């Protein structure tokens, strides 16, 4: 790949050696895999389970919610910082 001045953006969805049918079929397969786990239970059943946990162990439920929020913040921060460094680009040493 030729060197570019400034920010270098590389976009590669899948390996170029894969056949076109694999590239086309990967989108619906990924959608099915992503939505399969979400449709395992009805929303009401999942909320009933969480309310039972909250009533039986309020301290553990609070700790779980705080831990999930911290993990979400950490993951978002890592994605944001990585994206910022990629957009910022490498500075040449003088």
Protein backbone atom coordinates (compact mmCIF):
# COMPACT_ATOMS: atom_id res chain seq x y z
CA UNK A 1 0.00 0.00 0.00
CA UNK A 2 1.47 3.39 -0.91
CA UNK A 3 2.36 5.68 1.99
CA UNK A 4 0.08 8.66 2.50
CA UNK A 5 0.89 11.92 4.17
CA UNK A 6 -1.39 12.81 7.06
CA UNK A 7 -3.92 10.42 8.46
CA UNK A 8 -3.82 6.99 6.92
CA UNK A 9 -7.17 5.21 6.88
CA UNK A 10 -7.31 1.51 6.16
CA UNK A 11 -10.72 0.01 5.45
CA UNK A 12 -10.84 -3.72 5.04
CA UNK A 13 -14.09 -5.52 5.84
CA UNK A 14 -12.88 -9.04 5.19
CA UNK A 15 -9.84 -10.68 3.72
CA UNK A 16 -9.60 -9.93 -0.01
CA UNK A 17 -8.95 -13.60 -0.71
CA UNK A 18 -12.45 -14.65 0.44
CA UNK A 19 -15.06 -15.19 -2.27
CA UNK A 20 -17.74 -12.56 -2.79
CA UNK A 21 -20.54 -14.84 -1.54
CA UNK A 22 -18.84 -15.11 1.85
CA UNK A 23 -18.60 -11.33 2.11
CA UNK A 24 -22.27 -10.90 1.16
CA UNK A 25 -23.47 -13.69 3.48
CA UNK A 26 -21.47 -12.43 6.46
CA UNK A 27 -23.81 -9.48 7.12
CA UNK A 28 -27.03 -11.47 7.64
CA UNK A 29 -25.17 -14.15 9.58
CA UNK A 30 -23.72 -11.52 11.91
CA UNK A 31 -27.18 -9.95 12.34
CA UNK A 32 -28.73 -13.32 13.23
CA UNK A 33 -25.95 -14.07 15.70
CA UNK A 34 -26.28 -10.65 17.33
CA UNK A 35 -30.06 -10.74 17.67
CA UNK A 36 -30.33 -14.41 18.61
CA UNK A 37 -29.24 -13.89 22.20
CA UNK A 38 -31.44 -10.82 22.61
CA UNK A 39 -34.55 -12.73 21.57
CA UNK A 40 -33.94 -15.65 23.95
CA UNK A 41 -36.49 -14.33 26.48
CA UNK A 42 -39.38 -11.95 26.37
CA UNK A 43 -38.61 -8.53 27.81
CA UNK A 44 -41.13 -8.95 30.63
CA UNK A 45 -39.57 -12.24 31.73
CA UNK A 46 -36.09 -10.75 31.81
CA UNK A 47 -37.33 -7.74 33.84
CA UNK A 48 -39.16 -10.07 36.26
CA UNK A 49 -35.92 -11.97 36.86
CA UNK A 50 -34.05 -8.75 37.57
CA UNK A 51 -36.75 -7.49 39.96
CA UNK A 52 -36.58 -10.79 41.87
CA UNK A 53 -32.81 -10.42 42.20
CA UNK A 54 -33.23 -6.81 43.34
CA UNK A 55 -35.74 -7.81 46.02
CA UNK A 56 -33.81 -10.83 47.29
CA UNK A 57 -30.36 -9.16 47.45
CA UNK A 58 -30.52 -5.36 47.10
CA UNK A 59 -26.84 -4.84 47.98
CA UNK A 60 -25.65 -7.38 45.42
CA UNK A 61 -27.96 -5.92 42.78
CA UNK A 62 -26.57 -2.43 43.41
CA UNK A 63 -23.01 -3.75 43.21
CA UNK A 64 -23.84 -5.54 39.96
CA UNK A 65 -25.31 -2.38 38.40
CA UNK A 66 -22.30 -0.30 39.49
CA UNK A 67 -19.88 -2.93 38.12
CA UNK A 68 -21.68 -3.08 34.78
CA UNK A 69 -21.62 0.72 34.53
CA UNK A 70 -17.89 0.80 35.29
CA UNK A 71 -17.21 -1.87 32.66
CA UNK A 72 -19.28 0.05 30.12
CA UNK A 73 -17.40 3.27 30.91
CA UNK A 74 -14.03 1.52 30.68
CA UNK A 75 -14.87 -0.10 27.34
CA UNK A 76 -16.22 3.19 25.95
CA UNK A 77 -13.13 5.06 27.12
CA UNK A 78 -10.81 2.51 25.51
CA UNK A 79 -12.71 2.66 22.23
CA UNK A 80 -12.75 6.47 22.34
CA UNK A 81 -9.04 6.82 23.12
CA UNK A 82 -8.10 4.28 20.45
CA UNK A 83 -10.24 6.09 17.89
CA UNK A 84 -8.76 9.44 18.90
CA UNK A 85 -5.20 8.14 18.46
CA UNK A 86 -6.07 6.60 15.10
CA UNK A 87 -7.63 9.84 13.82
CA UNK A 88 -4.85 11.96 15.28
CA UNK A 89 -2.27 9.93 13.36
CA UNK A 90 1.37 9.34 14.03
CA UNK A 91 3.63 12.31 14.46
CA UNK A 92 7.00 12.12 12.79
CA UNK A 93 10.01 12.25 15.07
CA UNK A 94 12.28 15.20 14.39
